[in-house]
Amino acid sequence: MTSIGTGYDLSASTYSPDGRIFQVRHHITDPHPAQTYAIQVEYANKAVENSGTAIGLRVKDGVVLAVEKFVHSKLLVPGANRRVQTVDRHIGMATAGLLADGRSVSNRARDECANVRNNFREQPTVKYISDRLALYAQMYTLYSSVRPFGISTILAGVDKTGPSLYVVEPSGVCLGYHGAAIGKGRQLAKTELEKLKLSELTTREAAMEAARIIYLVHDDNKEKEFELEMSWVCSETNGLHVPVPADLLAEAERKAKEALENFE
């Protein structure tokens, strides 16, 4: 961040020599109007890195989403404040970062899906919705009156093109993946995902692997309690995005704990 204060943070349209763009915000009511506050996409990425891990697996017959949701208070109701949400009947999204930003972006995704259905009378594809969200996120990096969203988003679903999995980052970058990980434990999760032959797995097998990976990456945060959230879209759900059945989730967690004990 050595370029801050050297003149490159005076405009959101000026690149620094190392290729960064530093956004600034002026508070009109600030007693010192000349004071500026640097708001960078890189800082938004830091917000994502401080959040629990979320992963997505695109397999031969569908997609699976899994999230490590930290439990910050014993008073919270289990299952509340979900980080896996449905944005259309066949599309789900998981977020890592600021929970409130995730809700805002999920509402935008629902609006985009509704617009496609109303205007074109057809089911929106995961790629189209991901591209629209990427444009929305990128717009929030351009102006000093707003800030970038402090989340990364995994969108997954099964449409007319087959199973699809995309990640939208705070910068507005949108990329398609066979397996994706965001959040605090993303590096270890990516390493584990790369070991899998995802194109040969079924969604039930992918659910088992997803639980194992989430428990493995959580091992670095043993002092924090967490809930495992998991959802899927496959032929077993008739192409709908729904939570993984409770019995399968319980079995996946049991096997994940056994695998973790054997790993240690």
C-alpha atoms as a PDB file:
ATOM      1  CA  MET A   1       0.000   0.000   0.000  1.00  0.00           C
ATOM      2  CA  THR A   2       3.011   2.270  -0.461  1.00  0.00           C
ATOM      3  CA  SER A   3       1.241   4.322  -3.141  1.00  0.00           C
ATOM      4  CA  ILE A   4      -1.301   5.753  -0.672  1.00  0.00           C
ATOM      5  CA  GLY A   5      -0.545   9.389   0.048  1.00  0.00           C
ATOM      6  CA  THR A   6       1.625   9.869  -3.028  1.00  0.00           C
ATOM      7  CA  GLY A   7      -1.125  11.383  -5.179  1.00  0.00           C
ATOM      8  CA  TYR A   8      -2.602   8.241  -6.672  1.00  0.00           C
ATOM      9  CA  ASP A   9      -5.446   8.186  -4.133  1.00  0.00           C
ATOM     10  CA  LEU A  10      -6.901  11.485  -5.325  1.00  0.00           C
ATOM     11  CA  SER A  11      -9.117   9.957  -8.009  1.00  0.00           C
ATOM     12  CA  ALA A  12     -10.860   6.655  -8.646  1.00  0.00           C
ATOM     13  CA  SER A  13      -9.787   6.916 -12.298  1.00  0.00           C
ATOM     14  CA  THR A  14      -6.013   7.127 -11.718  1.00  0.00           C
ATOM     15  CA  TYR A  15      -3.808   4.036 -11.691  1.00  0.00           C
ATOM     16  CA  SER A  16      -0.768   3.793  -9.442  1.00  0.00           C
ATOM     17  CA  PRO A  17       2.522   2.570 -10.964  1.00  0.00           C
ATOM     18  CA  ASP A  18       1.902  -0.957  -9.648  1.00  0.00           C
ATOM     19  CA  GLY A  19      -1.513  -1.180 -11.322  1.00  0.00           C
ATOM     20  CA  ARG A  20      -3.790  -0.415  -8.373  1.00  0.00           C
ATOM     21  CA  ILE A  21      -6.716   1.973  -8.217  1.00  0.00           C
ATOM     22  CA  PHE A  22      -7.231   3.702  -4.883  1.00  0.00           C
ATOM     23  CA  GLN A  23     -10.744   4.957  -4.212  1.00  0.00           C
ATOM     24  CA  VAL A  24     -11.328   7.952  -1.965  1.00  0.00           C
ATOM     25  CA  ARG A  25     -14.326   9.338  -0.123  1.00  0.00           C
ATOM     26  CA  HIS A  26     -14.807  12.944   0.981  1.00  0.00           C
ATOM     27  CA  HIS A  27     -17.205  13.546   3.849  1.00  0.00           C
ATOM     28  CA  ILE A  28     -18.971  16.850   3.248  1.00  0.00           C
ATOM     29  CA  THR A  29     -19.926  17.078   6.922  1.00  0.00           C
ATOM     30  CA  ASP A  30     -16.419  16.257   8.077  1.00  0.00           C
ATOM     31  CA  PRO A  31     -14.838  19.113  10.086  1.00  0.00           C
ATOM     32  CA  HIS A  32     -11.746  18.549   7.948  1.00  0.00           C
ATOM     33  CA  PRO A  33     -13.070  18.321   4.355  1.00  0.00           C
ATOM     34  CA  ALA A  34      -9.609  17.775   2.956  1.00  0.00           C
ATOM     35  CA  GLN A  35      -9.311  14.490   4.803  1.00  0.00           C
ATOM     36  CA  THR A  36      -9.774  11.460   2.558  1.00  0.00           C
ATOM     37  CA  TYR A  37     -10.487   7.842   3.339  1.00  0.00           C
ATOM     38  CA  ALA A  38      -8.954   5.197   1.094  1.00  0.00           C
ATOM     39  CA  ILE A  39     -11.464   2.485   0.268  1.00  0.00           C
ATOM     40  CA  GLN A  40      -9.878  -0.256  -1.768  1.00  0.00           C
ATOM     41  CA  VAL A  41     -11.005  -3.477  -3.347  1.00  0.00           C
ATOM     42  CA  GLU A  42      -8.006  -5.025  -1.635  1.00  0.00           C
ATOM     43  CA  TYR A  43      -9.481  -4.110   1.733  1.00  0.00           C
ATOM     44  CA  ALA A  44     -12.784  -5.677   0.670  1.00  0.00           C
ATOM     45  CA  ASN A  45     -10.850  -8.855  -0.043  1.00  0.00           C
ATOM     46  CA  LYS A  46      -9.522  -8.714   3.513  1.00  0.00           C
ATOM     47  CA  ALA A  47     -13.115  -8.707   4.788  1.00  0.00           C
ATOM     48  CA  VAL A  48     -13.684 -11.887   2.785  1.00  0.00           C
ATOM     49  CA  GLU A  49     -10.559 -13.504   4.214  1.00  0.00           C
ATOM     50  CA  ASN A  50     -11.793 -12.891   7.770  1.00  0.00           C
ATOM     51  CA  SER A  51     -14.970 -14.861   7.115  1.00  0.00           C
ATOM     52  CA  GLY A  52     -15.688 -18.577   7.354  1.00  0.00           C
ATOM     53  CA  THR A  53     -14.842 -20.727   4.355  1.00  0.00           C
ATOM     54  CA  ALA A  54     -17.372 -21.452   1.597  1.00  0.00           C
ATOM     55  CA  ILE A  55     -16.823 -24.001  -1.164  1.00  0.00           C
ATOM     56  CA  GLY A  56     -18.639 -25.122  -4.288  1.00  0.00           C
ATOM     57  CA  LEU A  57     -18.271 -28.372  -6.211  1.00  0.00           C
ATOM     58  CA  ARG A  58     -19.474 -28.879  -9.771  1.00  0.00           C
ATOM     59  CA  VAL A  59     -19.808 -32.616 -10.417  1.00  0.00           C
ATOM     60  CA  LYS A  60     -21.218 -34.837 -13.140  1.00  0.00           C
ATOM     61  CA  ASP A  61     -24.861 -34.709 -12.043  1.00  0.00           C
ATOM     62  CA  GLY A  62     -25.150 -31.388 -10.219  1.00  0.00           C
ATOM     63  CA  VAL A  63     -23.570 -28.899  -7.825  1.00  0.00           C
ATOM     64  CA  VAL A  64     -22.981 -28.775  -4.070  1.00  0.00           C
ATOM     65  CA  LEU A  65     -22.427 -25.719  -1.852  1.00  0.00           C
ATOM     66  CA  ALA A  66     -20.983 -25.915   1.669  1.00  0.00           C
ATOM     67  CA  VAL A  67     -20.269 -23.160   4.190  1.00  0.00           C
ATOM     68  CA  GLU A  68     -18.398 -22.950   7.491  1.00  0.00           C
ATOM     69  CA  LYS A  69     -20.619 -20.536   9.439  1.00  0.00           C
ATOM     70  CA  PHE A  70     -19.007 -19.312  12.652  1.00  0.00           C
ATOM     71  CA  VAL A  71     -21.318 -19.236  15.678  1.00  0.00           C
ATOM     72  CA  HIS A  72     -20.519 -15.991  17.475  1.00  0.00           C
ATOM     73  CA  SER A  73     -22.954 -16.525  20.336  1.00  0.00           C
ATOM     74  CA  LYS A  74     -24.466 -19.538  22.091  1.00  0.00           C
ATOM     75  CA  LEU A  75     -27.768 -17.655  22.111  1.00  0.00           C
ATOM     76  CA  LEU A  76     -28.135 -17.775  18.324  1.00  0.00           C
ATOM     77  CA  VAL A  77     -30.860 -20.050  16.970  1.00  0.00           C
ATOM     78  CA  PRO A  78     -29.345 -22.940  14.951  1.00  0.00           C
ATOM     79  CA  GLY A  79     -29.976 -22.433  11.256  1.00  0.00           C
ATOM     80  CA  ALA A  80     -30.483 -18.661  11.566  1.00  0.00           C
ATOM     81  CA  ASN A  81     -28.485 -16.101   9.588  1.00  0.00           C
ATOM     82  CA  ARG A  82     -27.895 -18.466   6.705  1.00  0.00           C
ATOM     83  CA  ARG A  83     -25.031 -17.821   4.323  1.00  0.00           C
ATOM     84  CA  VAL A  84     -26.395 -20.175   1.657  1.00  0.00           C
ATOM     85  CA  GLN A  85     -29.414 -18.697  -0.083  1.00  0.00           C
ATOM     86  CA  THR A  86     -31.719 -19.476  -3.013  1.00  0.00           C
ATOM     87  CA  VAL A  87     -31.860 -16.766  -5.684  1.00  0.00           C
ATOM     88  CA  ASP A  88     -33.955 -18.736  -8.176  1.00  0.00           C
ATOM     89  CA  ARG A  89     -35.568 -22.159  -8.100  1.00  0.00           C
ATOM     90  CA  HIS A  90     -32.489 -23.754  -9.674  1.00  0.00           C
ATOM     91  CA  ILE A  91     -29.733 -21.375  -8.493  1.00  0.00           C
ATOM     92  CA  GLY A  92     -28.129 -21.066  -5.072  1.00  0.00           C
ATOM     93  CA  MET A  93     -25.444 -18.761  -3.759  1.00  0.00           C
ATOM     94  CA  ALA A  94     -22.981 -18.892  -0.891  1.00  0.00           C
ATOM     95  CA  THR A  95     -21.066 -15.880   0.392  1.00  0.00           C
ATOM     96  CA  ALA A  96     -17.963 -15.171   2.449  1.00  0.00           C
ATOM     97  CA  GLY A  97     -17.508 -11.749   4.031  1.00  0.00           C
ATOM     98  CA  LEU A  98     -19.954  -9.240   5.472  1.00  0.00           C
ATOM     99  CA  LEU A  99     -23.326 -10.860   6.123  1.00  0.00           C
ATOM    100  CA  ALA A 100     -25.350  -7.718   5.394  1.00  0.00           C
ATOM    101  CA  ASP A 101     -23.605  -7.246   2.034  1.00  0.00           C
ATOM    102  CA  GLY A 102     -24.426 -10.846   1.201  1.00  0.00           C
ATOM    103  CA  ARG A 103     -28.126 -10.224   1.802  1.00  0.00           C
ATOM    104  CA  SER A 104     -28.053  -7.119  -0.397  1.00  0.00           C
ATOM    105  CA  VAL A 105     -26.348  -8.939  -3.269  1.00  0.00           C
ATOM    106  CA  SER A 106     -28.679 -11.941  -2.974  1.00  0.00           C
ATOM    107  CA  ASN A 107     -31.675  -9.595  -3.311  1.00  0.00           C
ATOM    108  CA  ARG A 108     -30.081  -8.102  -6.419  1.00  0.00           C
ATOM    109  CA  ALA A 109     -29.586 -11.616  -7.826  1.00  0.00           C
ATOM    110  CA  ARG A 110     -33.272 -12.415  -7.216  1.00  0.00           C
ATOM    111  CA  ASP A 111     -34.267  -9.244  -9.037  1.00  0.00           C
ATOM    112  CA  GLU A 112     -32.080 -10.201 -11.997  1.00  0.00           C
ATOM    113  CA  CYS A 113     -33.643 -13.671 -12.125  1.00  0.00           C
ATOM    114  CA  ALA A 114     -37.153 -12.182 -11.968  1.00  0.00           C
ATOM    115  CA  ASN A 115     -36.312  -9.767 -14.805  1.00  0.00           C
ATOM    116  CA  VAL A 116     -35.208 -12.630 -17.064  1.00  0.00           C
ATOM    117  CA  ARG A 117     -38.396 -14.569 -16.374  1.00  0.00           C
ATOM    118  CA  ASN A 118     -40.617 -11.517 -16.883  1.00  0.00           C
ATOM    119  CA  ASN A 119     -38.898 -10.201 -20.015  1.00  0.00           C
ATOM    120  CA  PHE A 120     -37.874 -13.376 -21.810  1.00  0.00           C
ATOM    121  CA  ARG A 121     -40.231 -15.998 -20.348  1.00  0.00           C
ATOM    122  CA  GLU A 122     -37.395 -18.420 -19.754  1.00  0.00           C
ATOM    123  CA  GLN A 123     -35.228 -19.785 -16.985  1.00  0.00           C
ATOM    124  CA  PRO A 124     -32.120 -17.648 -16.334  1.00  0.00           C
ATOM    125  CA  THR A 125     -28.758 -19.361 -16.695  1.00  0.00           C
ATOM    126  CA  VAL A 126     -26.188 -19.318 -13.912  1.00  0.00           C
ATOM    127  CA  LYS A 127     -23.669 -17.644 -16.210  1.00  0.00           C
ATOM    128  CA  TYR A 128     -26.025 -14.789 -17.071  1.00  0.00           C
ATOM    129  CA  ILE A 129     -26.879 -14.062 -13.433  1.00  0.00           C
ATOM    130  CA  SER A 130     -23.201 -14.292 -12.459  1.00  0.00           C
ATOM    131  CA  ASP A 131     -22.236 -11.824 -15.189  1.00  0.00           C
ATOM    132  CA  ARG A 132     -24.954  -9.409 -14.085  1.00  0.00           C
ATOM    133  CA  LEU A 133     -23.811  -9.589 -10.449  1.00  0.00           C
ATOM    134  CA  ALA A 134     -20.215  -9.060 -11.579  1.00  0.00           C
ATOM    135  CA  LEU A 135     -21.237  -5.872 -13.394  1.00  0.00           C
ATOM    136  CA  TYR A 136     -23.124  -4.753 -10.290  1.00  0.00           C
ATOM    137  CA  ALA A 137     -20.092  -5.400  -8.054  1.00  0.00           C
ATOM    138  CA  GLN A 138     -17.730  -3.667 -10.470  1.00  0.00           C
ATOM    139  CA  MET A 139     -19.968  -0.581 -10.575  1.00  0.00           C
ATOM    140  CA  TYR A 140     -19.474  -0.225  -6.812  1.00  0.00           C
ATOM    141  CA  THR A 141     -15.711   0.082  -7.302  1.00  0.00           C
ATOM    142  CA  LEU A 142     -15.942   3.119  -9.591  1.00  0.00           C
ATOM    143  CA  TYR A 143     -17.375   5.906  -7.469  1.00  0.00           C
ATOM    144  CA  SER A 144     -16.232   7.646  -4.317  1.00  0.00           C
ATOM    145  CA  SER A 145     -19.827   7.854  -3.044  1.00  0.00           C
ATOM    146  CA  VAL A 146     -20.071   4.080  -2.559  1.00  0.00           C
ATOM    147  CA  ARG A 147     -17.823   1.288  -1.344  1.00  0.00           C
ATOM    148  CA  PRO A 148     -17.032  -2.139  -2.803  1.00  0.00           C
ATOM    149  CA  PHE A 149     -19.058  -5.034  -1.433  1.00  0.00           C
ATOM    150  CA  GLY A 150     -17.136  -6.876   1.270  1.00  0.00           C
ATOM    151  CA  ILE A 151     -18.062 -10.326  -0.028  1.00  0.00           C
ATOM    152  CA  SER A 152     -17.093 -12.964  -2.543  1.00  0.00           C
ATOM    153  CA  THR A 153     -19.994 -14.958  -3.951  1.00  0.00           C
ATOM    154  CA  ILE A 154     -20.256 -18.508  -5.266  1.00  0.00           C
ATOM    155  CA  LEU A 155     -23.225 -19.043  -7.584  1.00  0.00           C
ATOM    156  CA  ALA A 156     -24.176 -22.611  -8.477  1.00  0.00           C
ATOM    157  CA  GLY A 157     -27.017 -24.285 -10.279  1.00  0.00           C
ATOM    158  CA  VAL A 158     -28.174 -26.588 -13.043  1.00  0.00           C
ATOM    159  CA  ASP A 159     -29.689 -24.987 -16.149  1.00  0.00           C
ATOM    160  CA  LYS A 160     -30.093 -25.810 -19.836  1.00  0.00           C
ATOM    161  CA  THR A 161     -26.295 -25.852 -20.213  1.00  0.00           C
ATOM    162  CA  GLY A 162     -25.849 -28.352 -17.362  1.00  0.00           C
ATOM    163  CA  PRO A 163     -24.216 -27.879 -13.938  1.00  0.00           C
ATOM    164  CA  SER A 164     -22.527 -24.475 -13.528  1.00  0.00           C
ATOM    165  CA  LEU A 165     -20.371 -22.865 -10.849  1.00  0.00           C
ATOM    166  CA  TYR A 166     -19.134 -19.264 -10.819  1.00  0.00           C
ATOM    167  CA  VAL A 167     -17.347 -16.980  -8.358  1.00  0.00           C
ATOM    168  CA  VAL A 168     -17.900 -13.207  -8.278  1.00  0.00           C
ATOM    169  CA  GLU A 169     -15.198 -11.278  -6.411  1.00  0.00           C
ATOM    170  CA  PRO A 170     -15.410  -7.771  -4.852  1.00  0.00           C
ATOM    171  CA  SER A 171     -13.548  -6.335  -7.853  1.00  0.00           C
ATOM    172  CA  GLY A 172     -16.256  -7.553 -10.237  1.00  0.00           C
ATOM    173  CA  VAL A 173     -14.176 -10.412 -11.635  1.00  0.00           C
ATOM    174  CA  CYS A 174     -16.367 -13.398 -12.535  1.00  0.00           C
ATOM    175  CA  LEU A 175     -14.847 -16.802 -13.306  1.00  0.00           C
ATOM    176  CA  GLY A 176     -16.277 -20.267 -13.867  1.00  0.00           C
ATOM    177  CA  TYR A 177     -14.913 -23.218 -11.873  1.00  0.00           C
ATOM    178  CA  HIS A 178     -15.181 -26.964 -11.426  1.00  0.00           C
ATOM    179  CA  GLY A 179     -14.416 -26.424  -7.741  1.00  0.00           C
ATOM    180  CA  ALA A 180     -14.130 -23.109  -5.885  1.00  0.00           C
ATOM    181  CA  ALA A 181     -13.282 -21.914  -2.374  1.00  0.00           C
ATOM    182  CA  ILE A 182     -13.565 -18.490  -0.737  1.00  0.00           C
ATOM    183  CA  GLY A 183     -13.010 -17.204   2.786  1.00  0.00           C
ATOM    184  CA  LYS A 184     -10.444 -17.781   5.505  1.00  0.00           C
ATOM    185  CA  GLY A 185      -9.449 -21.350   4.604  1.00  0.00           C
ATOM    186  CA  ARG A 186      -9.593 -21.009   0.839  1.00  0.00           C
ATOM    187  CA  GLN A 187      -5.994 -22.035   0.138  1.00  0.00           C
ATOM    188  CA  LEU A 188      -6.215 -25.355   1.975  1.00  0.00           C
ATOM    189  CA  ALA A 189      -9.694 -25.950   0.552  1.00  0.00           C
ATOM    190  CA  LYS A 190      -8.438 -25.347  -2.996  1.00  0.00           C
ATOM    191  CA  THR A 191      -5.607 -27.797  -2.433  1.00  0.00           C
ATOM    192  CA  GLU A 192      -8.089 -30.459  -1.332  1.00  0.00           C
ATOM    193  CA  LEU A 193     -10.453 -29.716  -4.216  1.00  0.00           C
ATOM    194  CA  GLU A 194      -7.628 -30.125  -6.714  1.00  0.00           C
ATOM    195  CA  LYS A 195      -7.070 -33.673  -5.454  1.00  0.00           C
ATOM    196  CA  LEU A 196     -10.617 -34.710  -6.375  1.00  0.00           C
ATOM    197  CA  LYS A 197     -11.791 -36.006  -9.751  1.00  0.00           C
ATOM    198  CA  LEU A 198     -14.844 -33.779  -9.689  1.00  0.00           C
ATOM    199  CA  SER A 199     -16.138 -34.796 -13.109  1.00  0.00           C
ATOM    200  CA  GLU A 200     -16.465 -38.384 -11.858  1.00  0.00           C
ATOM    201  CA  LEU A 201     -18.211 -37.664  -8.533  1.00  0.00           C
ATOM    202  CA  THR A 202     -21.931 -37.824  -7.853  1.00  0.00           C
ATOM    203  CA  THR A 203     -23.596 -35.114  -5.798  1.00  0.00           C
ATOM    204  CA  ARG A 204     -23.913 -37.479  -2.812  1.00  0.00           C
ATOM    205  CA  GLU A 205     -20.191 -38.224  -2.973  1.00  0.00           C
ATOM    206  CA  ALA A 206     -19.496 -34.506  -3.408  1.00  0.00           C
ATOM    207  CA  ALA A 207     -21.523 -33.740  -0.267  1.00  0.00           C
ATOM    208  CA  MET A 208     -19.304 -36.112   1.705  1.00  0.00           C
ATOM    209  CA  GLU A 209     -16.155 -34.509   0.313  1.00  0.00           C
ATOM    210  CA  ALA A 210     -17.475 -30.999   0.935  1.00  0.00           C
ATOM    211  CA  ALA A 211     -18.137 -31.772   4.610  1.00  0.00           C
ATOM    212  CA  ARG A 212     -14.679 -33.309   4.976  1.00  0.00           C
ATOM    213  CA  ILE A 213     -13.004 -30.239   3.466  1.00  0.00           C
ATOM    214  CA  ILE A 214     -14.957 -27.786   5.638  1.00  0.00           C
ATOM    215  CA  TYR A 215     -14.055 -29.705   8.806  1.00  0.00           C
ATOM    216  CA  LEU A 216     -10.430 -29.902   7.677  1.00  0.00           C
ATOM    217  CA  VAL A 217     -10.070 -26.154   7.076  1.00  0.00           C
ATOM    218  CA  HIS A 218     -11.900 -25.395  10.332  1.00  0.00           C
ATOM    219  CA  ASP A 219      -9.233 -27.329  12.243  1.00  0.00           C
ATOM    220  CA  ASP A 220      -7.129 -24.134  12.225  1.00  0.00           C
ATOM    221  CA  ASN A 221      -9.925 -22.340  14.126  1.00  0.00           C
ATOM    222  CA  LYS A 222     -10.702 -24.930  16.772  1.00  0.00           C
ATOM    223  CA  GLU A 223     -11.522 -22.273  19.336  1.00  0.00           C
ATOM    224  CA  LYS A 224     -14.500 -21.081  17.242  1.00  0.00           C
ATOM    225  CA  GLU A 225     -17.765 -23.010  17.117  1.00  0.00           C
ATOM    226  CA  PHE A 226     -19.332 -23.388  13.679  1.00  0.00           C
ATOM    227  CA  GLU A 227     -22.302 -24.779  11.806  1.00  0.00           C
ATOM    228  CA  LEU A 228     -22.008 -26.641   8.520  1.00  0.00           C
ATOM    229  CA  GLU A 229     -24.492 -25.382   5.942  1.00  0.00           C
ATOM    230  CA  MET A 230     -24.879 -27.413   2.782  1.00  0.00           C
ATOM    231  CA  SER A 231     -27.183 -27.297  -0.228  1.00  0.00           C
ATOM    232  CA  TRP A 232     -27.328 -28.886  -3.665  1.00  0.00           C
ATOM    233  CA  VAL A 233     -28.984 -28.925  -7.079  1.00  0.00           C
ATOM    234  CA  CYS A 234     -29.238 -32.262  -8.852  1.00  0.00           C
ATOM    235  CA  SER A 235     -31.626 -34.817 -10.387  1.00  0.00           C
ATOM    236  CA  GLU A 236     -32.453 -36.028  -6.878  1.00  0.00           C
ATOM    237  CA  THR A 237     -33.930 -32.571  -6.128  1.00  0.00           C
ATOM    238  CA  ASN A 238     -35.698 -32.348  -9.522  1.00  0.00           C
ATOM    239  CA  GLY A 239     -33.380 -29.510 -10.496  1.00  0.00           C
ATOM    240  CA  LEU A 240     -34.270 -27.368  -7.482  1.00  0.00           C
ATOM    241  CA  HIS A 241     -31.816 -25.683  -5.107  1.00  0.00           C
ATOM    242  CA  VAL A 242     -32.583 -27.080  -1.657  1.00  0.00           C
ATOM    243  CA  PRO A 243     -30.714 -27.856   1.571  1.00  0.00           C
ATOM    244  CA  VAL A 244     -29.025 -31.249   1.725  1.00  0.00           C
ATOM    245  CA  PRO A 245     -31.353 -33.693   3.583  1.00  0.00           C
ATOM    246  CA  ALA A 246     -30.757 -33.821   7.340  1.00  0.00           C
ATOM    247  CA  ASP A 247     -29.837 -37.532   7.333  1.00  0.00           C
ATOM    248  CA  LEU A 248     -27.235 -37.072   4.586  1.00  0.00           C
ATOM    249  CA  LEU A 249     -25.851 -33.964   6.309  1.00  0.00           C
ATOM    250  CA  ALA A 250     -25.532 -35.840   9.607  1.00  0.00           C
ATOM    251  CA  GLU A 251     -23.772 -38.756   7.891  1.00  0.00           C
ATOM    252  CA  ALA A 252     -21.426 -36.376   6.059  1.00  0.00           C
ATOM    253  CA  GLU A 253     -20.518 -34.628   9.320  1.00  0.00           C
ATOM    254  CA  ARG A 254     -19.927 -37.938  11.079  1.00  0.00           C
ATOM    255  CA  LYS A 255     -17.582 -39.162   8.345  1.00  0.00           C
ATOM    256  CA  ALA A 256     -15.834 -35.782   8.237  1.00  0.00           C
ATOM    257  CA  LYS A 257     -15.108 -35.974  11.962  1.00  0.00           C
ATOM    258  CA  GLU A 258     -13.800 -39.530  11.594  1.00  0.00           C
ATOM    259  CA  ALA A 259     -11.563 -38.479   8.695  1.00  0.00           C
ATOM    260  CA  LEU A 260     -10.235 -35.564  10.737  1.00  0.00           C
ATOM    261  CA  GLU A 261      -9.395 -37.858  13.658  1.00  0.00           C
ATOM    262  CA  ASN A 262      -7.559 -40.242  11.333  1.00  0.00           C
ATOM    263  CA  PHE A 263      -5.758 -37.302   9.714  1.00  0.00           C
ATOM    264  CA  GLU A 264      -4.466 -36.163  13.101  1.00  0.00           C
END
